[in-house]
């Protein structure tokens, strides 16, 4: 029975820590950016250039 009380206190403590962290992030403006997430998908990322590695077929020195 005492294990249940310890686990209950531990789980409530962890939940309180996460609630405090969430409220702190909302207070500091972490979630205020409402414009850029929908617009960000419209911009293309820079496409990486792939350099072809030399193979044995391309390096024949006959």
C-alpha atoms as a PDB file:
ATOM      1  CA  UNK A   1       0.000   0.000   0.000  1.00  0.00           C
ATOM      2  CA  UNK A   2       2.851   2.395   0.711  1.00  0.00           C
ATOM      3  CA  UNK A   3       4.244   1.834  -2.801  1.00  0.00           C
ATOM      4  CA  UNK A   4       1.011   3.178  -4.300  1.00  0.00           C
ATOM      5  CA  UNK A   5       1.306   6.344  -2.221  1.00  0.00           C
ATOM      6  CA  UNK A   6       4.931   6.845  -3.269  1.00  0.00           C
ATOM      7  CA  UNK A   7       4.064   6.319  -6.950  1.00  0.00           C
ATOM      8  CA  UNK A   8       1.076   8.645  -6.664  1.00  0.00           C
ATOM      9  CA  UNK A   9       3.221  11.396  -5.153  1.00  0.00           C
ATOM     10  CA  UNK A  10       5.908  10.861  -7.790  1.00  0.00           C
ATOM     11  CA  UNK A  11       3.440  11.007 -10.686  1.00  0.00           C
ATOM     12  CA  UNK A  12       1.741  14.131  -9.346  1.00  0.00           C
ATOM     13  CA  UNK A  13       5.154  15.755  -8.907  1.00  0.00           C
ATOM     14  CA  UNK A  14       6.169  14.972 -12.484  1.00  0.00           C
ATOM     15  CA  UNK A  15       2.820  16.262 -13.783  1.00  0.00           C
ATOM     16  CA  UNK A  16       3.243  19.464 -11.765  1.00  0.00           C
ATOM     17  CA  UNK A  17       6.743  19.980 -13.209  1.00  0.00           C
ATOM     18  CA  UNK A  18       5.433  19.600 -16.766  1.00  0.00           C
ATOM     19  CA  UNK A  19       2.530  21.945 -16.041  1.00  0.00           C
ATOM     20  CA  UNK A  20       4.935  24.536 -14.624  1.00  0.00           C
ATOM     21  CA  UNK A  21       7.207  24.209 -17.681  1.00  0.00           C
ATOM     22  CA  UNK A  22       4.241  24.628 -20.047  1.00  0.00           C
ATOM     23  CA  UNK A  23       2.898  27.687 -18.234  1.00  0.00           C
ATOM     24  CA  UNK A  24       6.383  29.218 -18.116  1.00  0.00           C
ATOM     25  CA  UNK A  25       6.841  28.725 -21.879  1.00  0.00           C
ATOM     26  CA  UNK A  26       3.438  30.278 -22.632  1.00  0.00           C
ATOM     27  CA  UNK A  27       4.247  33.236 -20.402  1.00  0.00           C
ATOM     28  CA  UNK A  28       7.572  33.813 -22.184  1.00  0.00           C
ATOM     29  CA  UNK A  29       5.961  33.853 -25.642  1.00  0.00           C
ATOM     30  CA  UNK A  30       7.092  30.485 -26.947  1.00  0.00           C
ATOM     31  CA  UNK A  31       3.816  29.933 -28.823  1.00  0.00           C
ATOM     32  CA  UNK A  32       3.159  33.464 -30.154  1.00  0.00           C
ATOM     33  CA  UNK A  33       4.394  32.821 -33.707  1.00  0.00           C
ATOM     34  CA  UNK A  34       1.202  32.020 -35.599  1.00  0.00           C
ATOM     35  CA  UNK A  35       2.208  33.226 -39.059  1.00  0.00           C
ATOM     36  CA  UNK A  36       5.401  31.469 -40.089  1.00  0.00           C
ATOM     37  CA  UNK A  37       4.470  27.772 -39.587  1.00  0.00           C
ATOM     38  CA  UNK A  38       1.777  27.760 -42.310  1.00  0.00           C
ATOM     39  CA  UNK A  39       3.930  29.879 -44.624  1.00  0.00           C
ATOM     40  CA  UNK A  40       7.162  27.953 -44.051  1.00  0.00           C
ATOM     41  CA  UNK A  41       5.894  24.956 -46.027  1.00  0.00           C
ATOM     42  CA  UNK A  42       5.549  27.104 -49.152  1.00  0.00           C
ATOM     43  CA  UNK A  43       9.274  27.822 -49.439  1.00  0.00           C
ATOM     44  CA  UNK A  44      11.514  25.253 -51.065  1.00  0.00           C
ATOM     45  CA  UNK A  45      14.578  24.084 -49.251  1.00  0.00           C
ATOM     46  CA  UNK A  46      17.879  24.431 -51.014  1.00  0.00           C
ATOM     47  CA  UNK A  47      18.443  21.257 -52.986  1.00  0.00           C
ATOM     48  CA  UNK A  48      21.772  19.667 -52.177  1.00  0.00           C
ATOM     49  CA  UNK A  49      24.066  19.022 -55.104  1.00  0.00           C
ATOM     50  CA  UNK A  50      25.176  15.431 -55.391  1.00  0.00           C
ATOM     51  CA  UNK A  51      28.699  14.920 -56.622  1.00  0.00           C
ATOM     52  CA  UNK A  52      29.252  11.750 -58.552  1.00  0.00           C
ATOM     53  CA  UNK A  53      31.952   9.579 -57.068  1.00  0.00           C
ATOM     54  CA  UNK A  54      34.453   8.212 -59.573  1.00  0.00           C
ATOM     55  CA  UNK A  55      34.010   4.534 -60.259  1.00  0.00           C
ATOM     56  CA  UNK A  56      36.394   1.986 -61.686  1.00  0.00           C
ATOM     57  CA  UNK A  57      34.554   2.058 -65.035  1.00  0.00           C
ATOM     58  CA  UNK A  58      35.113   5.814 -65.369  1.00  0.00           C
ATOM     59  CA  UNK A  59      38.806   5.625 -64.415  1.00  0.00           C
ATOM     60  CA  UNK A  60      40.105   3.328 -67.109  1.00  0.00           C
ATOM     61  CA  UNK A  61      43.631   4.358 -68.093  1.00  0.00           C
ATOM     62  CA  UNK A  62      44.291   2.219 -71.149  1.00  0.00           C
END
